[in-house]
Amino acid sequence: MTESAEPPKAPGPERCEFSFIANPDIRAALQRYYRTGRGAFDKVCYPLTVLLAWRAIETILLDVLKGERTGALLILSGGLMTNRTLFPEGGSDLDRRDSIDLISVAVARGLVPRDATRLFDPARGSGALSLEEWKEVAEIAIEVLVSLDRKLSDANLRRA
């Protein structure tokens, strides 16, 4: 008799509040991304988990590192809202290079763990990922979001 495999369980708490985000619509969108990403993880849809988490991570890091409460790069209601949408005069979409720079600064400042850089080249140049490799990258993505929520919420409480 064979035992059925236990379904995967997403890491981290069921909810992240993102209380350091002042705009309630952006905070709600980040909470939705987190919740949806965890749900995708539980359904073994790891690439979707990584995509949703990364969009939230970019938004948070842009907010923190630029000191702007913008909500750049969120999909609020079906359409992609980018920093070009928000800042048509000189704003520009993040490309892969910008994202690597963004995460590198966040790593250097201790906002995210060093393995967060894996979110930009999950296969490390080796082509397609196996299911287990996608799972590992999805776990990193969720852990980075949880880490950002904890660190920035704590810092926000200390300032208040």
Protein backbone atom coordinates (compact mmCIF):
# COMPACT_ATOMS: atom_id res chain seq x y z
CA MET A 1 0.00 0.00 0.00
CA THR A 2 1.39 3.40 -0.97
CA GLU A 3 0.86 6.53 1.02
CA SER A 4 -0.39 9.58 -0.84
CA ALA A 5 2.00 12.49 -0.84
CA GLU A 6 1.22 15.34 1.51
CA PRO A 7 0.23 18.47 -0.46
CA PRO A 8 2.76 21.31 -0.29
CA LYS A 9 2.24 24.01 2.32
CA ALA A 10 3.47 27.53 1.64
CA PRO A 11 6.04 28.90 4.08
CA GLY A 12 5.35 31.95 6.19
CA PRO A 13 2.29 33.19 8.02
CA GLU A 14 -1.13 33.08 6.38
CA ARG A 15 -1.24 36.88 6.25
CA CYS A 16 1.17 39.75 5.90
CA GLU A 17 -0.23 43.15 6.80
CA PHE A 18 2.28 45.48 5.09
CA SER A 19 1.29 48.11 7.66
CA PHE A 20 4.24 50.31 6.64
CA ILE A 21 2.50 51.09 3.33
CA ALA A 22 0.48 54.28 3.82
CA ASN A 23 -1.86 53.93 0.83
CA PRO A 24 -4.70 51.53 1.74
CA ASP A 25 -5.32 50.48 -1.89
CA ILE A 26 -1.67 49.57 -2.40
CA ARG A 27 -1.54 47.81 0.97
CA ALA A 28 -4.66 45.80 0.00
CA ALA A 29 -3.09 44.88 -3.36
CA LEU A 30 0.10 43.69 -1.62
CA GLN A 31 -1.97 41.61 0.80
CA ARG A 32 -3.87 40.11 -2.13
CA TYR A 33 -0.62 39.29 -3.95
CA TYR A 34 0.72 37.58 -0.85
CA ARG A 35 -2.47 35.59 -0.26
CA THR A 36 -2.78 34.60 -3.92
CA GLY A 37 0.90 33.65 -4.13
CA ARG A 38 0.60 31.38 -1.08
CA GLY A 39 -2.50 29.79 -2.61
CA ALA A 40 -0.64 29.19 -5.87
CA PHE A 41 2.20 27.59 -3.90
CA ASP A 42 -0.25 25.21 -2.21
CA LYS A 43 -1.54 24.25 -5.67
CA VAL A 44 2.04 23.61 -6.90
CA CYS A 45 1.94 26.61 -9.24
CA TYR A 46 5.37 27.83 -8.20
CA PRO A 47 6.11 30.13 -11.18
CA LEU A 48 2.93 32.12 -10.42
CA THR A 49 3.99 32.36 -6.77
CA VAL A 50 7.35 33.78 -7.86
CA LEU A 51 5.74 36.26 -10.28
CA LEU A 52 3.24 37.59 -7.73
CA ALA A 53 5.80 37.77 -4.95
CA TRP A 54 8.32 39.51 -7.18
CA ARG A 55 5.83 42.19 -8.21
CA ALA A 56 5.09 42.85 -4.54
CA ILE A 57 8.81 42.84 -3.66
CA GLU A 58 9.60 45.35 -6.44
CA THR A 59 6.80 47.61 -5.27
CA ILE A 60 7.96 47.53 -1.66
CA LEU A 61 11.63 48.06 -2.50
CA LEU A 62 10.88 50.96 -4.85
CA ASP A 63 8.75 52.46 -2.12
CA VAL A 64 11.43 52.07 0.54
CA LEU A 65 14.58 52.77 -1.47
CA LYS A 66 13.17 55.76 -3.33
CA GLY A 67 11.22 57.01 -0.33
CA GLU A 68 8.06 57.25 -2.44
CA ARG A 69 4.69 55.81 -1.49
CA THR A 70 3.79 55.07 -5.10
CA GLY A 71 2.72 51.47 -5.48
CA ALA A 72 4.66 51.19 -8.71
CA LEU A 73 4.47 47.89 -10.59
CA LEU A 74 1.25 46.58 -9.09
CA ILE A 75 -1.52 45.02 -11.09
CA LEU A 76 -4.41 46.77 -9.37
CA SER A 77 -7.43 45.86 -11.51
CA GLY A 78 -6.42 43.72 -14.43
CA GLY A 79 -4.00 46.15 -16.07
CA LEU A 80 -0.31 46.49 -15.38
CA MET A 81 0.45 49.72 -13.56
CA THR A 82 4.09 50.62 -13.93
CA ASN A 83 6.21 53.52 -12.80
CA ARG A 84 5.82 54.95 -16.33
CA THR A 85 2.06 55.00 -15.77
CA LEU A 86 2.52 56.79 -12.48
CA PHE A 87 5.34 59.09 -13.64
CA PRO A 88 4.88 59.77 -17.38
CA GLU A 89 7.46 62.58 -17.25
CA GLY A 90 10.71 60.63 -17.02
CA GLY A 91 9.52 57.46 -15.33
CA SER A 92 10.61 54.19 -16.87
CA ASP A 93 9.66 50.56 -16.55
CA LEU A 94 11.99 48.34 -14.64
CA ASP A 95 13.80 45.85 -16.79
CA ARG A 96 15.74 42.80 -15.62
CA ARG A 97 18.92 44.86 -15.07
CA ASP A 98 17.09 47.43 -12.94
CA SER A 99 15.55 44.64 -10.90
CA ILE A 100 18.95 43.09 -10.22
CA ASP A 101 20.27 46.48 -9.12
CA LEU A 102 17.22 47.02 -6.93
CA ILE A 103 17.61 43.69 -5.15
CA SER A 104 21.38 44.17 -4.83
CA VAL A 105 20.85 47.45 -2.97
CA ALA A 106 18.24 45.79 -0.76
CA VAL A 107 20.66 42.93 0.03
CA ALA A 108 23.45 45.42 0.81
CA ARG A 109 21.15 47.29 3.21
CA GLY A 110 20.10 44.07 4.93
CA LEU A 111 16.46 44.38 3.85
CA VAL A 112 16.39 40.99 2.13
CA PRO A 113 18.49 37.83 2.40
CA ARG A 114 21.32 37.28 -0.08
CA ASP A 115 19.53 34.37 -1.80
CA ALA A 116 16.84 36.86 -2.94
CA THR A 117 19.04 37.50 -5.98
CA ARG A 118 18.03 34.04 -7.17
CA LEU A 119 14.62 35.47 -8.08
CA PHE A 120 16.19 37.04 -11.21
CA ASP A 121 17.89 34.00 -12.64
CA PRO A 122 16.17 31.04 -11.00
CA ALA A 123 17.88 28.54 -13.29
CA ARG A 124 21.28 30.20 -12.79
CA GLY A 125 21.84 30.15 -16.52
CA SER A 126 21.18 26.43 -16.87
CA GLY A 127 17.83 26.55 -18.72
CA ALA A 128 14.50 25.21 -17.48
CA LEU A 129 13.86 24.51 -13.82
CA SER A 130 12.63 21.28 -12.35
CA LEU A 131 9.54 21.33 -10.15
CA GLU A 132 11.72 21.09 -7.04
CA GLU A 133 13.86 24.02 -8.19
CA TRP A 134 10.75 26.14 -8.83
CA LYS A 135 9.53 25.20 -5.36
CA GLU A 136 12.82 26.37 -3.83
CA VAL A 137 12.66 29.71 -5.65
CA ALA A 138 8.98 30.16 -4.67
CA GLU A 139 9.91 29.54 -1.02
CA ILE A 140 12.61 32.20 -1.29
CA ALA A 141 10.11 34.65 -2.80
CA ILE A 142 7.60 34.16 0.02
CA GLU A 143 10.33 34.35 2.66
CA VAL A 144 11.59 37.64 1.20
CA LEU A 145 8.09 39.14 1.38
CA VAL A 146 7.65 37.98 4.99
CA SER A 147 11.08 39.38 5.87
CA LEU A 148 10.27 42.75 4.30
CA ASP A 149 6.92 42.90 6.09
CA ARG A 150 8.48 42.14 9.47
CA LYS A 151 11.49 44.44 9.14
CA LEU A 152 9.66 47.40 7.68
CA SER A 153 6.63 47.10 9.96
CA ASP A 154 8.95 46.96 12.98
CA ALA A 155 10.89 50.01 11.72
CA ASN A 156 7.62 51.85 11.11
CA LEU A 157 6.46 51.09 14.68
CA ARG A 158 9.72 52.39 16.11
CA ARG A 159 9.31 55.69 14.21
CA ALA A 160 5.71 56.19 15.40
